[in-house]
Protein backbone atom coordinates (compact mmCIF):
# COMPACT_ATOMS: atom_id res chain seq x y z
CA MET A 1 84.94 143.04 109.61
CA GLY A 2 84.95 142.34 105.84
CA THR A 3 88.51 141.05 106.21
CA MET A 4 87.52 138.56 108.91
CA ARG A 5 84.50 137.48 106.84
CA THR A 6 86.74 136.85 103.83
CA ARG A 7 89.22 134.89 105.94
CA ASN A 8 86.48 132.71 107.41
CA ARG A 9 85.10 131.95 103.96
CA PHE A 10 88.62 131.25 102.68
CA ALA A 11 89.29 128.91 105.60
CA LYS A 12 86.09 126.96 104.88
CA ILE A 13 86.99 126.64 101.18
CA VAL A 14 90.54 125.54 101.95
CA LEU A 15 89.35 123.02 104.55
CA ALA A 16 86.86 121.48 102.11
CA ALA A 17 89.45 121.40 99.31
CA ALA A 18 92.10 119.90 101.56
CA LEU A 19 89.72 117.21 102.78
CA ALA A 20 88.69 116.37 99.21
CA GLY A 21 92.26 116.36 97.95
CA MET A 22 93.42 114.01 100.69
CA ALA A 23 90.91 111.23 99.99
CA LEU A 24 92.34 107.80 100.67
CA THR A 25 93.57 105.84 97.66
CA ALA A 26 91.54 102.67 97.20
CA CYS A 27 93.46 99.39 96.99
CA GLY A 28 92.98 97.21 93.90
CA THR A 29 90.88 97.69 90.77
CA ALA A 30 87.80 95.98 89.42
CA ASP A 31 87.87 94.09 86.10
CA PRO A 32 84.87 94.06 83.70
CA SER A 33 83.47 90.96 85.44
CA GLY A 34 83.24 92.87 88.71
CA ARG A 35 86.06 90.98 90.43
CA THR A 36 88.72 92.92 92.29
CA THR A 37 92.34 92.40 91.31
CA ALA A 38 95.51 93.49 93.03
CA GLY A 39 97.26 94.70 89.88
CA ALA A 40 100.81 93.47 89.32
CA SER A 41 101.07 91.98 92.80
CA ALA A 42 98.42 89.27 92.31
CA VAL A 43 98.44 86.52 94.93
CA GLU A 44 99.42 83.12 93.54
CA PRO A 45 97.14 80.17 94.28
CA GLY A 46 98.04 78.61 97.60
CA ALA A 47 100.11 81.59 98.72
CA LYS A 48 99.35 83.09 102.10
CA PRO A 49 97.71 86.51 101.57
CA LYS A 50 99.50 89.44 103.10
CA PRO A 51 97.58 91.44 105.74
CA THR A 52 96.11 94.65 104.41
CA PRO A 53 97.55 97.64 106.29
CA THR A 54 95.06 99.87 108.03
CA PRO A 55 94.78 103.12 106.06
CA VAL A 56 95.84 106.23 107.93
CA ARG A 57 93.51 109.18 107.59
CA SER A 58 95.28 112.38 106.66
CA LEU A 59 93.96 115.66 108.02
CA PRO A 60 94.50 119.02 106.34
CA SER A 61 96.80 119.83 109.25
CA ASP A 62 99.36 117.39 107.89
CA ALA A 63 99.92 119.55 104.83
CA LEU A 64 99.22 123.00 106.23
CA ALA A 65 101.12 122.97 109.52
CA GLU A 66 104.21 124.50 107.86
CA HIS A 67 102.36 126.86 105.52
CA PRO A 68 103.83 130.39 105.39
CA ASP A 69 100.38 131.97 105.79
CA PRO A 70 99.49 132.22 109.53
CA GLU A 71 95.80 131.75 108.74
CA MET A 72 96.59 128.43 107.07
CA ARG A 73 98.64 127.29 110.08
CA PHE A 74 95.69 128.28 112.28
CA LEU A 75 93.47 126.15 110.03
CA ALA A 76 95.84 123.24 110.60
CA LEU A 77 95.82 123.79 114.36
CA SER A 78 92.03 124.04 114.52
CA SER A 79 91.68 120.85 112.46
CA ARG A 80 93.95 118.92 114.82
CA VAL A 81 92.12 120.14 117.92
CA LEU A 82 88.64 119.56 116.52
CA ASP A 83 89.54 116.07 115.33
CA GLY A 84 90.18 115.13 118.95
CA CYS A 85 86.93 116.69 120.17
CA VAL A 86 84.35 115.72 117.54
CA PRO A 87 82.89 112.28 118.38
CA GLY A 88 84.45 109.87 115.90
CA GLY A 89 86.81 112.54 114.58
CA LEU A 90 86.32 114.88 111.68
CA PRO A 91 84.28 113.49 108.75
CA GLN A 92 86.11 111.34 106.25
CA PRO A 93 87.12 113.19 103.06
CA PRO A 94 84.23 113.39 100.59
CA SER A 95 84.45 111.70 97.20
CA VAL A 96 86.29 113.76 94.64
CA PRO A 97 83.91 114.94 91.87
CA PRO A 98 84.83 114.10 88.26
CA GLU A 99 87.12 116.56 86.60
CA ASP A 100 85.43 119.36 84.76
CA VAL A 101 85.54 119.31 80.99
CA PRO A 102 88.28 121.75 79.88
CA PRO A 103 87.04 124.84 78.05
CA PRO A 104 87.44 124.88 74.26
CA GLN A 105 90.73 126.26 73.05
CA ASN A 106 91.03 129.30 70.84
CA LEU A 107 92.20 127.87 67.50
CA PRO A 108 94.24 130.01 65.08
CA GLY A 109 91.97 132.03 62.84
CA ARG A 110 88.89 131.13 64.87
CA PRO A 111 88.31 133.67 67.64
CA MET A 112 86.44 132.52 70.70
CA PRO A 113 82.78 133.60 70.72
CA GLU A 114 81.91 136.17 73.31
CA GLU A 115 79.94 135.00 76.30
CA PRO A 116 76.41 136.41 76.40
CA GLY A 117 76.14 139.25 78.80
CA ASP A 118 79.91 139.72 79.03
CA LEU A 119 80.41 142.72 81.31
CA SER A 120 84.22 142.72 81.33
CA VAL A 121 85.90 146.10 81.32
CA PRO A 122 87.28 147.03 77.86
CA SER A 123 91.03 147.21 77.52
CA GLY A 124 92.37 150.62 78.53
CA ALA A 125 89.24 151.61 80.46
CA PRO A 126 89.77 152.80 84.06
CA GLU A 127 89.10 150.15 86.68
CA PRO A 128 86.10 150.78 88.95
CA PRO A 129 86.93 151.73 92.53
CA PRO A 130 86.86 148.84 95.04
CA ALA A 131 83.64 148.37 96.94
CA PRO A 132 83.87 149.68 100.51
CA GLU A 133 83.88 147.11 103.30
CA PRO A 134 80.54 146.88 105.11
CA ALA A 135 80.52 148.69 108.42
CA PRO A 136 79.73 146.67 111.55
CA THR A 137 76.02 146.68 112.31
CA ARG A 138 76.55 146.26 116.05
CA SER A 139 78.23 148.46 118.60
CA GLY A 140 78.75 148.22 122.32
CA PRO A 141 79.06 145.20 124.60
CA VAL A 142 77.30 141.90 123.93
CA GLU A 143 76.58 139.04 126.31
CA GLU A 144 78.74 135.94 126.54
CA VAL A 145 77.11 132.84 125.04
CA PRO A 146 77.37 129.23 126.29
CA LEU A 147 79.83 126.85 124.65
CA THR A 148 78.82 123.57 123.07
CA ALA A 149 80.43 120.34 124.24
CA VAL A 150 82.78 120.40 121.23
CA ASP A 151 83.76 124.02 121.88
CA LYS A 152 84.36 123.24 125.56
CA CYS A 153 86.66 120.37 124.62
CA ALA A 154 88.50 122.51 122.06
CA GLY A 155 88.76 125.38 124.54
CA ASP A 156 90.35 123.14 127.16
CA ALA A 157 92.83 121.83 124.59
CA HIS A 158 93.83 125.33 123.43
CA ALA A 159 94.08 126.55 127.03
CA ALA A 160 96.32 123.63 127.98
CA ARG A 161 98.74 124.20 125.09
CA VAL A 162 98.98 127.93 125.90
CA ARG A 163 99.70 127.28 129.58
CA THR A 164 102.25 124.62 128.67
CA ALA A 165 104.03 126.97 126.25
CA PHE A 166 104.57 129.61 128.94
CA ASP A 167 105.80 126.92 131.36
CA GLY A 168 105.03 128.86 134.54
CA ALA A 169 106.76 132.06 133.40
CA GLY A 170 104.48 135.05 132.94
CA PRO A 171 105.14 137.55 130.12
CA ALA A 172 106.76 140.85 131.00
CA ASP A 173 104.24 142.92 129.04
CA TYR A 174 101.63 142.74 126.27
CA PRO A 175 104.16 142.62 123.36
CA ALA A 176 105.81 139.60 124.98
CA LEU A 177 102.39 137.98 125.49
CA LYS A 178 101.38 138.55 121.86
CA LYS A 179 104.74 137.33 120.54
CA LYS A 180 104.40 134.03 122.38
CA LEU A 181 100.80 133.53 121.26
CA THR A 182 101.79 134.26 117.66
CA SER A 183 104.54 131.64 117.87
CA LEU A 184 101.85 129.11 118.82
CA ASP A 185 100.17 129.61 115.41
CA TYR A 186 97.49 132.01 116.57
CA PRO A 187 97.45 134.68 113.82
CA PRO A 188 98.03 138.31 114.90
CA SER A 189 94.67 139.20 113.34
CA ARG A 190 92.96 136.93 115.89
CA ILE A 191 94.82 138.27 118.95
CA HIS A 192 93.18 141.35 120.47
CA ARG A 193 94.53 143.44 123.30
CA MET A 194 92.37 143.99 126.36
CA PRO A 195 92.90 146.46 129.23
CA ASP A 196 95.49 145.24 131.71
CA HIS A 197 94.10 143.43 134.75
CA GLY A 198 95.78 144.79 137.88
CA GLY A 199 98.89 145.58 135.85
CA ALA A 200 98.93 142.15 134.15
CA PRO A 201 98.77 142.10 130.32
CA ARG A 202 95.61 140.61 128.90
CA ALA A 203 94.51 139.46 125.43
CA ARG A 204 91.63 137.65 123.80
CA ILE A 205 92.07 135.15 120.98
CA ASP A 206 89.24 134.81 118.48
CA LEU A 207 88.96 131.06 117.81
CA ARG A 208 85.55 131.18 116.15
CA PHE A 209 85.81 128.71 113.29
CA MET A 210 83.28 126.95 111.07
CA GLY A 211 80.32 128.33 113.03
CA GLY A 212 81.81 127.84 116.50
CA ASN A 213 81.69 130.34 119.38
CA LEU A 214 85.04 129.70 121.04
CA ALA A 215 87.36 132.45 122.27
CA LEU A 216 90.13 132.56 124.86
CA GLU A 217 91.00 135.19 127.44
CA VAL A 218 94.70 135.08 128.33
CA THR A 219 96.09 136.99 131.30
CA GLY A 220 99.80 137.03 132.07
CA THR A 221 100.62 137.27 135.78
CA PRO A 222 104.23 137.55 137.03
CA ASP A 223 104.58 133.79 137.57
CA GLN A 224 101.94 132.15 135.37
CA VAL A 225 99.42 132.60 132.58
CA LEU A 226 95.69 132.29 133.19
CA VAL A 227 93.63 131.03 130.23
CA GLU A 228 89.83 131.01 130.24
CA PRO A 229 87.70 129.77 127.32
CA PHE A 230 84.42 131.61 126.76
CA GLY A 231 81.72 131.91 124.14
CA ALA A 232 81.30 134.79 121.69
CA PRO A 233 78.36 135.13 119.28
CA GLU A 234 79.32 133.61 115.95
CA THR A 235 78.10 136.56 113.90
CA GLU A 236 81.06 138.32 112.30
CA ASP A 237 79.93 141.82 113.29
CA VAL A 238 80.63 140.98 116.94
CA ARG A 239 84.19 141.54 118.13
CA VAL A 240 85.52 139.31 120.91
CA THR A 241 86.68 142.47 122.69
CA ASP A 242 83.03 143.57 123.01
CA VAL A 243 81.86 140.39 124.75
CA LYS A 244 80.83 141.00 128.35
CA ARG A 245 82.09 138.10 130.45
CA LYS A 246 79.87 136.60 133.12
CA PRO A 247 81.19 137.14 136.67
């Protein structure tokens, strides 16, 4: 589960960075007197001012939808879906903090002073073995949890796009089911096989993201695909395959 924990943290960092990096560019600058000017395109006296275009907010999905990493494409997909479900849309990008002061350069003949408490490994010393991933602290089935209004909305949106992609044709087997789901930008690491239901292939997709509880159960019948959103505990030591669905 350490891998999933790392991916979730990475997704949060990338989402925050993408939002910050896509802040809207303000129009005009202020002179020392506090008045706003329009730069080189100043409006002449008596001229009819041009209407200011409405700025278009850019989501991280705009830049990440074609990313080669499937987790980044999933981040783009989740951002698009959540933006349509969160009242008012996702928050506007935060203000970009001032750039950090660059570290001092190492001048010729003047070696950089060592940082106090520097615990770096000396050159040539063997590297320490990697820390083992923490073992899951839970085992066995867990109860399904209710979905929030936002998760319900997102679940319906994901379910609709999955059903539309299959277009009334059920997958022949589980590999065909997984291949189609992967093509829809659901990473293989989030698709988990479940026991077949009456001979029909079945999978669960872990859509838990940014503290949400959403997961999907996808069952491929001969002529259609059934998709059911459900809630899984957000704790990372709970696998979606261990969630006991309510009858």
